[in-house]
Amino acid sequence: MRRLANLLFQITLTAWAGGLWAIGYLVVPTLFYTLENRVLAGQIAGSLFSASGRMSLVAGAFIALFLLIRQKRAWKTLALWLVVLMLILTAVMLFGIQPMMAQMKLDALPLDVMESPLRDRFVAWHGISSSLYLLESCLALGLVLRVGWKWEP
């Protein structure tokens, strides 16, 4: 049973970190490069980031619980604090920034937000969101390097 729990931990960590990197740095840039319609690319990207955020909350909660159960004084470990920081960043983006940006898009209608008076505000929040996503991706790298492929995190 312990081996199965360890395996689920490793799979979850791989899916979480890999999902962040694949969506943020491969899929979304490819969408904007491939699709001529940038509004459509943005809509798809937003859906992908929302789905990724929900998956991140589930994965992060499982990993945090796993670490708390498996390690004595887990609150003193770097791995747990990396997970907590990643969960906070995910929640800020998923429940704060993404809905605000979606509302700006609606408020700009019938114009595209990039052609509206909200453009500068949208661009600023997009930059903040991108920076937080990069930070979360770097924290994921730190978590993967910290935990590695050991059976004991």
N, C-alpha and C. Protein backbone atom coordinates (compact mmCIF):
# COMPACT_ATOMS: atom_id res chain seq x y z
N MET A 1 0.82 -1.20 0.00
CA MET A 1 0.00 0.00 0.00
C MET A 1 0.86 1.26 0.00
N ARG A 2 1.93 1.20 0.75
CA ARG A 2 2.84 2.34 0.83
C ARG A 2 3.47 2.62 -0.54
N ARG A 3 3.81 1.55 -1.25
CA ARG A 3 4.41 1.70 -2.57
C ARG A 3 3.42 2.34 -3.55
N LEU A 4 2.15 1.96 -3.45
CA LEU A 4 1.11 2.54 -4.31
C LEU A 4 0.95 4.03 -4.01
N ALA A 5 0.95 4.38 -2.74
CA ALA A 5 0.85 5.80 -2.35
C ALA A 5 2.02 6.59 -2.90
N ASN A 6 3.22 6.03 -2.81
CA ASN A 6 4.40 6.70 -3.35
C ASN A 6 4.29 6.86 -4.87
N LEU A 7 3.80 5.85 -5.53
CA LEU A 7 3.63 5.91 -6.98
C LEU A 7 2.61 6.98 -7.36
N LEU A 8 1.49 7.04 -6.64
CA LEU A 8 0.48 8.08 -6.90
C LEU A 8 1.05 9.48 -6.66
N PHE A 9 1.87 9.60 -5.64
CA PHE A 9 2.54 10.87 -5.37
C PHE A 9 3.40 11.28 -6.56
N GLN A 10 4.22 10.37 -7.05
CA GLN A 10 5.11 10.67 -8.18
C GLN A 10 4.33 11.00 -9.45
N ILE A 11 3.26 10.26 -9.71
CA ILE A 11 2.43 10.52 -10.89
C ILE A 11 1.77 11.89 -10.78
N THR A 12 1.26 12.21 -9.61
CA THR A 12 0.59 13.49 -9.40
C THR A 12 1.58 14.64 -9.55
N LEU A 13 2.76 14.50 -8.97
CA LEU A 13 3.78 15.54 -9.10
C LEU A 13 4.17 15.73 -10.56
N THR A 14 4.33 14.63 -11.28
CA THR A 14 4.70 14.70 -12.70
C THR A 14 3.60 15.38 -13.51
N ALA A 15 2.35 15.01 -13.25
CA ALA A 15 1.23 15.60 -13.98
C ALA A 15 1.10 17.09 -13.68
N TRP A 16 1.28 17.46 -12.43
CA TRP A 16 1.14 18.86 -12.04
C TRP A 16 2.23 19.72 -12.70
N ALA A 17 3.48 19.35 -12.48
CA ALA A 17 4.58 20.14 -13.04
C ALA A 17 4.57 20.07 -14.57
N GLY A 18 4.40 18.89 -15.11
CA GLY A 18 4.39 18.73 -16.56
C GLY A 18 3.25 19.47 -17.22
N GLY A 19 2.10 19.47 -16.57
CA GLY A 19 0.95 20.21 -17.09
C GLY A 19 1.20 21.70 -17.14
N LEU A 20 1.80 22.22 -16.07
CA LEU A 20 2.14 23.65 -16.05
C LEU A 20 3.06 24.00 -17.21
N TRP A 21 4.10 23.22 -17.37
CA TRP A 21 5.10 23.52 -18.40
C TRP A 21 4.55 23.31 -19.80
N ALA A 22 3.82 22.22 -20.00
CA ALA A 22 3.30 21.92 -21.35
C ALA A 22 2.28 22.96 -21.79
N ILE A 23 1.35 23.30 -20.92
CA ILE A 23 0.32 24.25 -21.30
C ILE A 23 0.90 25.66 -21.45
N GLY A 24 1.65 26.09 -20.46
CA GLY A 24 2.14 27.47 -20.46
C GLY A 24 3.22 27.78 -21.47
N TYR A 25 4.04 26.80 -21.78
CA TYR A 25 5.21 27.10 -22.60
C TYR A 25 5.25 26.34 -23.93
N LEU A 26 4.26 25.49 -24.17
CA LEU A 26 4.21 24.77 -25.44
C LEU A 26 2.86 24.97 -26.13
N VAL A 27 1.79 24.60 -25.45
CA VAL A 27 0.47 24.62 -26.07
C VAL A 27 -0.02 26.04 -26.34
N VAL A 28 -0.02 26.90 -25.35
CA VAL A 28 -0.55 28.25 -25.54
C VAL A 28 0.27 29.06 -26.55
N PRO A 29 1.59 29.06 -26.46
CA PRO A 29 2.33 29.77 -27.52
C PRO A 29 2.05 29.21 -28.91
N THR A 30 1.87 27.90 -29.01
CA THR A 30 1.56 27.29 -30.30
C THR A 30 0.20 27.75 -30.81
N LEU A 31 -0.75 27.90 -29.91
CA LEU A 31 -2.07 28.41 -30.30
C LEU A 31 -1.95 29.79 -30.93
N PHE A 32 -1.23 30.68 -30.27
CA PHE A 32 -1.11 32.04 -30.78
C PHE A 32 -0.28 32.10 -32.06
N TYR A 33 0.63 31.18 -32.22
CA TYR A 33 1.45 31.15 -33.43
C TYR A 33 0.67 30.55 -34.61
N THR A 34 -0.18 29.56 -34.31
CA THR A 34 -0.87 28.82 -35.35
C THR A 34 -2.18 29.47 -35.80
N LEU A 35 -2.98 29.92 -34.83
CA LEU A 35 -4.29 30.46 -35.16
C LEU A 35 -4.19 31.91 -35.60
N GLU A 36 -4.84 32.23 -36.68
CA GLU A 36 -4.86 33.61 -37.14
C GLU A 36 -5.75 34.48 -36.25
N ASN A 37 -6.78 33.88 -35.69
CA ASN A 37 -7.72 34.59 -34.84
C ASN A 37 -7.18 34.62 -33.40
N ARG A 38 -6.60 35.74 -33.00
CA ARG A 38 -6.00 35.86 -31.67
C ARG A 38 -7.05 35.84 -30.56
N VAL A 39 -8.26 36.30 -30.87
CA VAL A 39 -9.33 36.25 -29.87
C VAL A 39 -9.66 34.79 -29.56
N LEU A 40 -9.78 33.97 -30.59
CA LEU A 40 -10.05 32.54 -30.39
C LEU A 40 -8.89 31.88 -29.64
N ALA A 41 -7.67 32.21 -30.03
CA ALA A 41 -6.50 31.66 -29.33
C ALA A 41 -6.54 32.03 -27.85
N GLY A 42 -6.92 33.27 -27.55
CA GLY A 42 -7.02 33.72 -26.17
C GLY A 42 -8.11 32.99 -25.40
N GLN A 43 -9.25 32.74 -26.07
CA GLN A 43 -10.34 32.01 -25.42
C GLN A 43 -9.92 30.59 -25.09
N ILE A 44 -9.26 29.95 -26.04
CA ILE A 44 -8.80 28.57 -25.80
C ILE A 44 -7.75 28.56 -24.70
N ALA A 45 -6.82 29.51 -24.75
CA ALA A 45 -5.78 29.60 -23.73
C ALA A 45 -6.40 29.80 -22.35
N GLY A 46 -7.39 30.68 -22.26
CA GLY A 46 -8.06 30.91 -20.99
C GLY A 46 -8.71 29.65 -20.45
N SER A 47 -9.35 28.89 -21.33
CA SER A 47 -9.96 27.61 -20.92
C SER A 47 -8.90 26.63 -20.44
N LEU A 48 -7.79 26.58 -21.15
CA LEU A 48 -6.71 25.67 -20.74
C LEU A 48 -6.13 26.07 -19.39
N PHE A 49 -5.92 27.36 -19.18
CA PHE A 49 -5.38 27.81 -17.89
C PHE A 49 -6.37 27.57 -16.75
N SER A 50 -7.66 27.71 -17.02
CA SER A 50 -8.67 27.42 -15.98
C SER A 50 -8.67 25.94 -15.63
N ALA A 51 -8.66 25.09 -16.64
CA ALA A 51 -8.63 23.64 -16.39
C ALA A 51 -7.35 23.25 -15.67
N SER A 52 -6.24 23.83 -16.08
CA SER A 52 -4.96 23.55 -15.44
C SER A 52 -4.97 24.01 -13.99
N GLY A 53 -5.59 25.16 -13.73
CA GLY A 53 -5.68 25.66 -12.36
C GLY A 53 -6.48 24.74 -11.46
N ARG A 54 -7.61 24.25 -11.97
CA ARG A 54 -8.42 23.31 -11.17
C ARG A 54 -7.65 22.02 -10.90
N MET A 55 -6.95 21.52 -11.93
CA MET A 55 -6.14 20.32 -11.75
C MET A 55 -5.03 20.59 -10.75
N SER A 56 -4.45 21.78 -10.78
CA SER A 56 -3.38 22.14 -9.85
C SER A 56 -3.86 22.14 -8.41
N LEU A 57 -5.06 22.62 -8.18
CA LEU A 57 -5.60 22.62 -6.82
C LEU A 57 -5.76 21.20 -6.29
N VAL A 58 -6.27 20.31 -7.12
CA VAL A 58 -6.45 18.91 -6.71
C VAL A 58 -5.09 18.25 -6.49
N ALA A 59 -4.19 18.41 -7.45
CA ALA A 59 -2.87 17.80 -7.34
C ALA A 59 -2.11 18.34 -6.13
N GLY A 60 -2.13 19.66 -5.97
CA GLY A 60 -1.43 20.26 -4.85
C GLY A 60 -1.97 19.83 -3.50
N ALA A 61 -3.30 19.73 -3.41
CA ALA A 61 -3.91 19.28 -2.15
C ALA A 61 -3.50 17.84 -1.84
N PHE A 62 -3.50 16.98 -2.86
CA PHE A 62 -3.07 15.59 -2.65
C PHE A 62 -1.61 15.53 -2.21
N ILE A 63 -0.75 16.29 -2.89
CA ILE A 63 0.68 16.26 -2.56
C ILE A 63 0.92 16.80 -1.15
N ALA A 64 0.25 17.89 -0.81
CA ALA A 64 0.41 18.44 0.54
C ALA A 64 -0.06 17.44 1.60
N LEU A 65 -1.20 16.81 1.37
CA LEU A 65 -1.71 15.81 2.30
C LEU A 65 -0.75 14.63 2.41
N PHE A 66 -0.25 14.19 1.28
CA PHE A 66 0.71 13.08 1.26
C PHE A 66 1.94 13.44 2.11
N LEU A 67 2.47 14.63 1.91
CA LEU A 67 3.66 15.03 2.66
C LEU A 67 3.36 15.16 4.15
N LEU A 68 2.20 15.69 4.48
CA LEU A 68 1.84 15.84 5.90
C LEU A 68 1.68 14.49 6.59
N ILE A 69 1.14 13.52 5.86
CA ILE A 69 0.94 12.19 6.43
C ILE A 69 2.26 11.43 6.52
N ARG A 70 3.09 11.55 5.51
CA ARG A 70 4.28 10.72 5.38
C ARG A 70 5.50 11.24 6.15
N GLN A 71 5.56 12.53 6.39
CA GLN A 71 6.77 13.08 6.99
C GLN A 71 6.50 13.67 8.36
N LYS A 72 7.37 13.34 9.28
CA LYS A 72 7.30 13.97 10.59
C LYS A 72 7.72 15.42 10.41
N ARG A 73 7.04 16.31 11.08
CA ARG A 73 7.33 17.75 11.00
C ARG A 73 7.39 18.24 9.55
N ALA A 74 6.41 17.84 8.77
CA ALA A 74 6.38 18.20 7.35
C ALA A 74 6.36 19.71 7.15
N TRP A 75 5.77 20.44 8.10
CA TRP A 75 5.69 21.89 7.96
C TRP A 75 7.08 22.54 7.97
N LYS A 76 8.10 21.79 8.32
CA LYS A 76 9.46 22.32 8.31
C LYS A 76 10.23 21.94 7.04
N THR A 77 9.57 21.24 6.12
CA THR A 77 10.26 20.79 4.91
C THR A 77 10.08 21.78 3.76
N LEU A 78 11.09 21.91 2.96
CA LEU A 78 11.04 22.77 1.79
C LEU A 78 9.96 22.29 0.82
N ALA A 79 9.84 21.00 0.65
CA ALA A 79 8.87 20.45 -0.30
C ALA A 79 7.45 20.93 0.03
N LEU A 80 7.06 20.85 1.29
CA LEU A 80 5.71 21.27 1.65
C LEU A 80 5.51 22.76 1.40
N TRP A 81 6.49 23.58 1.72
CA TRP A 81 6.34 25.03 1.52
C TRP A 81 6.31 25.39 0.03
N LEU A 82 7.02 24.64 -0.79
CA LEU A 82 6.92 24.85 -2.23
C LEU A 82 5.50 24.56 -2.71
N VAL A 83 4.93 23.47 -2.22
CA VAL A 83 3.56 23.10 -2.59
C VAL A 83 2.58 24.18 -2.12
N VAL A 84 2.74 24.64 -0.90
CA VAL A 84 1.84 25.68 -0.36
C VAL A 84 1.93 26.95 -1.20
N LEU A 85 3.13 27.37 -1.53
CA LEU A 85 3.29 28.57 -2.37
C LEU A 85 2.66 28.38 -3.74
N MET A 86 2.85 27.20 -4.32
CA MET A 86 2.25 26.92 -5.63
C MET A 86 0.72 26.95 -5.54
N LEU A 87 0.17 26.41 -4.47
CA LEU A 87 -1.29 26.43 -4.30
C LEU A 87 -1.80 27.86 -4.13
N ILE A 88 -1.08 28.68 -3.41
CA ILE A 88 -1.49 30.08 -3.24
C ILE A 88 -1.47 30.79 -4.58
N LEU A 89 -0.40 30.61 -5.34
CA LEU A 89 -0.32 31.25 -6.66
C LEU A 89 -1.45 30.77 -7.58
N THR A 90 -1.72 29.48 -7.55
CA THR A 90 -2.82 28.93 -8.35
C THR A 90 -4.14 29.57 -7.97
N ALA A 91 -4.41 29.66 -6.68
CA ALA A 91 -5.68 30.24 -6.21
C ALA A 91 -5.79 31.71 -6.59
N VAL A 92 -4.71 32.46 -6.46
CA VAL A 92 -4.73 33.88 -6.83
C VAL A 92 -5.05 34.03 -8.32
N MET A 93 -4.42 33.21 -9.15
CA MET A 93 -4.66 33.31 -10.59
C MET A 93 -6.06 32.81 -10.97
N LEU A 94 -6.44 31.65 -10.40
CA LEU A 94 -7.70 31.03 -10.78
C LEU A 94 -8.92 31.80 -10.28
N PHE A 95 -8.86 32.28 -9.04
CA PHE A 95 -10.03 32.92 -8.44
C PHE A 95 -9.96 34.44 -8.41
N GLY A 96 -8.80 35.00 -8.71
CA GLY A 96 -8.65 36.45 -8.69
C GLY A 96 -8.39 37.04 -10.06
N ILE A 97 -7.25 36.74 -10.61
CA ILE A 97 -6.82 37.39 -11.85
C ILE A 97 -7.62 36.93 -13.06
N GLN A 98 -7.79 35.63 -13.23
CA GLN A 98 -8.52 35.13 -14.41
C GLN A 98 -9.96 35.66 -14.50
N PRO A 99 -10.73 35.63 -13.40
CA PRO A 99 -12.08 36.19 -13.49
C PRO A 99 -12.08 37.69 -13.78
N MET A 100 -11.11 38.41 -13.23
CA MET A 100 -11.02 39.85 -13.48
C MET A 100 -10.73 40.11 -14.96
N MET A 101 -9.83 39.34 -15.54
CA MET A 101 -9.50 39.50 -16.95
C MET A 101 -10.69 39.11 -17.84
N ALA A 102 -11.41 38.07 -17.44
CA ALA A 102 -12.60 37.66 -18.20
C ALA A 102 -13.66 38.76 -18.15
N GLN A 103 -13.81 39.41 -16.99
CA GLN A 103 -14.77 40.50 -16.87
C GLN A 103 -14.37 41.69 -17.73
N MET A 104 -13.07 41.97 -17.79
CA MET A 104 -12.61 43.05 -18.66
C MET A 104 -12.95 42.77 -20.12
N LYS A 105 -12.83 41.53 -20.53
CA LYS A 105 -13.19 41.16 -21.90
C LYS A 105 -14.67 41.41 -22.14
N LEU A 106 -15.50 41.06 -21.16
CA LEU A 106 -16.95 41.29 -21.30
C LEU A 106 -17.27 42.78 -21.29
N ASP A 107 -16.60 43.53 -20.43
CA ASP A 107 -16.85 44.97 -20.35
C ASP A 107 -16.44 45.70 -21.62
N ALA A 108 -15.51 45.12 -22.35
CA ALA A 108 -15.02 45.76 -23.58
C ALA A 108 -15.97 45.55 -24.77
N LEU A 109 -16.86 44.57 -24.66
CA LEU A 109 -17.76 44.25 -25.78
C LEU A 109 -18.54 45.48 -26.22
N PRO A 110 -18.77 45.68 -27.48
CA PRO A 110 -18.60 44.75 -28.59
C PRO A 110 -17.18 44.73 -29.15
N LEU A 111 -16.28 45.52 -28.58
CA LEU A 111 -14.90 45.53 -29.04
C LEU A 111 -14.11 44.38 -28.43
N ASP A 112 -13.04 44.00 -29.08
CA ASP A 112 -12.07 43.11 -28.47
C ASP A 112 -11.37 43.92 -27.38
N VAL A 113 -11.03 43.30 -26.29
CA VAL A 113 -10.42 44.03 -25.18
C VAL A 113 -9.14 44.75 -25.60
N MET A 114 -8.43 44.20 -26.58
CA MET A 114 -7.19 44.82 -27.03
C MET A 114 -7.43 46.05 -27.90
N GLU A 115 -8.68 46.26 -28.30
CA GLU A 115 -9.04 47.44 -29.09
C GLU A 115 -9.89 48.41 -28.28
N SER A 116 -9.97 48.19 -26.99
CA SER A 116 -10.85 48.97 -26.13
C SER A 116 -10.04 49.86 -25.19
N PRO A 117 -10.73 50.75 -24.48
CA PRO A 117 -10.04 51.57 -23.47
C PRO A 117 -9.47 50.74 -22.31
N LEU A 118 -9.90 49.48 -22.19
CA LEU A 118 -9.42 48.61 -21.11
C LEU A 118 -8.10 47.92 -21.47
N ARG A 119 -7.60 48.20 -22.65
CA ARG A 119 -6.41 47.51 -23.15
C ARG A 119 -5.24 47.58 -22.18
N ASP A 120 -4.89 48.77 -21.72
CA ASP A 120 -3.72 48.93 -20.85
C ASP A 120 -3.89 48.18 -19.53
N ARG A 121 -5.07 48.24 -18.98
CA ARG A 121 -5.34 47.52 -17.73
C ARG A 121 -5.26 46.01 -17.95
N PHE A 122 -5.83 45.55 -19.08
CA PHE A 122 -5.79 44.12 -19.40
C PHE A 122 -4.34 43.66 -19.59
N VAL A 123 -3.56 44.44 -20.32
CA VAL A 123 -2.16 44.09 -20.57
C VAL A 123 -1.38 44.02 -19.26
N ALA A 124 -1.65 44.96 -18.36
CA ALA A 124 -0.95 44.96 -17.07
C ALA A 124 -1.27 43.70 -16.27
N TRP A 125 -2.56 43.35 -16.20
CA TRP A 125 -2.94 42.15 -15.45
C TRP A 125 -2.46 40.88 -16.13
N HIS A 126 -2.41 40.90 -17.46
CA HIS A 126 -1.86 39.75 -18.19
C HIS A 126 -0.38 39.58 -17.84
N GLY A 127 0.34 40.66 -17.73
CA GLY A 127 1.75 40.60 -17.35
C GLY A 127 1.94 40.08 -15.93
N ILE A 128 1.09 40.53 -15.02
CA ILE A 128 1.15 40.04 -13.64
C ILE A 128 0.87 38.55 -13.61
N SER A 129 -0.17 38.14 -14.33
CA SER A 129 -0.53 36.73 -14.38
C SER A 129 0.60 35.90 -14.98
N SER A 130 1.21 36.38 -16.05
CA SER A 130 2.32 35.66 -16.68
C SER A 130 3.51 35.53 -15.72
N SER A 131 3.78 36.59 -14.97
CA SER A 131 4.88 36.55 -14.01
C SER A 131 4.61 35.54 -12.90
N LEU A 132 3.38 35.53 -12.40
CA LEU A 132 3.03 34.57 -11.35
C LEU A 132 3.09 33.14 -11.88
N TYR A 133 2.68 32.95 -13.13
CA TYR A 133 2.73 31.62 -13.75
C TYR A 133 4.18 31.17 -13.89
N LEU A 134 5.06 32.08 -14.28
CA LEU A 134 6.48 31.75 -14.39
C LEU A 134 7.04 31.38 -13.02
N LEU A 135 6.66 32.14 -12.00
CA LEU A 135 7.11 31.84 -10.65
C LEU A 135 6.62 30.45 -10.22
N GLU A 136 5.35 30.16 -10.48
CA GLU A 136 4.82 28.85 -10.12
C GLU A 136 5.55 27.74 -10.88
N SER A 137 5.86 27.97 -12.13
CA SER A 137 6.60 26.98 -12.93
C SER A 137 7.99 26.74 -12.36
N CYS A 138 8.63 27.79 -11.90
CA CYS A 138 9.95 27.66 -11.29
C CYS A 138 9.87 26.93 -9.95
N LEU A 139 8.82 27.22 -9.18
CA LEU A 139 8.62 26.50 -7.92
C LEU A 139 8.38 25.02 -8.19
N ALA A 140 7.66 24.72 -9.28
CA ALA A 140 7.43 23.32 -9.65
C ALA A 140 8.76 22.64 -9.98
N LEU A 141 9.62 23.34 -10.68
CA LEU A 141 10.94 22.79 -10.97
C LEU A 141 11.70 22.53 -9.67
N GLY A 142 11.64 23.48 -8.75
CA GLY A 142 12.29 23.29 -7.46
C GLY A 142 11.72 22.09 -6.72
N LEU A 143 10.43 21.90 -6.78
CA LEU A 143 9.80 20.76 -6.12
C LEU A 143 10.24 19.45 -6.74
N VAL A 144 10.26 19.41 -8.06
CA VAL A 144 10.70 18.19 -8.75
C VAL A 144 12.16 17.89 -8.40
N LEU A 145 13.00 18.90 -8.41
CA LEU A 145 14.41 18.69 -8.08
C LEU A 145 14.59 18.30 -6.61
N ARG A 146 13.77 18.87 -5.74
CA ARG A 146 13.86 18.58 -4.31
C ARG A 146 13.43 17.15 -4.00
N VAL A 147 12.30 16.77 -4.58
CA VAL A 147 11.75 15.45 -4.30
C VAL A 147 12.42 14.41 -5.19
N GLY A 148 12.68 14.76 -6.44
CA GLY A 148 13.31 13.84 -7.36
C GLY A 148 12.46 12.61 -7.59
N TRP A 149 13.09 11.54 -7.96
CA TRP A 149 12.37 10.28 -8.19
C TRP A 149 12.65 9.29 -7.08
N LYS A 150 12.88 9.82 -5.88
CA LYS A 150 13.06 8.96 -4.72
C LYS A 150 11.68 8.41 -4.32
N TRP A 151 11.69 7.28 -3.70
CA TRP A 151 10.42 6.77 -3.20
C TRP A 151 10.03 7.48 -1.92
N GLU A 152 10.95 8.07 -1.25
CA GLU A 152 10.65 8.78 -0.01
C GLU A 152 10.87 10.27 -0.19
N PRO A 153 9.81 11.08 -0.28
CA PRO A 153 9.97 12.53 -0.43
C PRO A 153 10.49 13.10 0.86
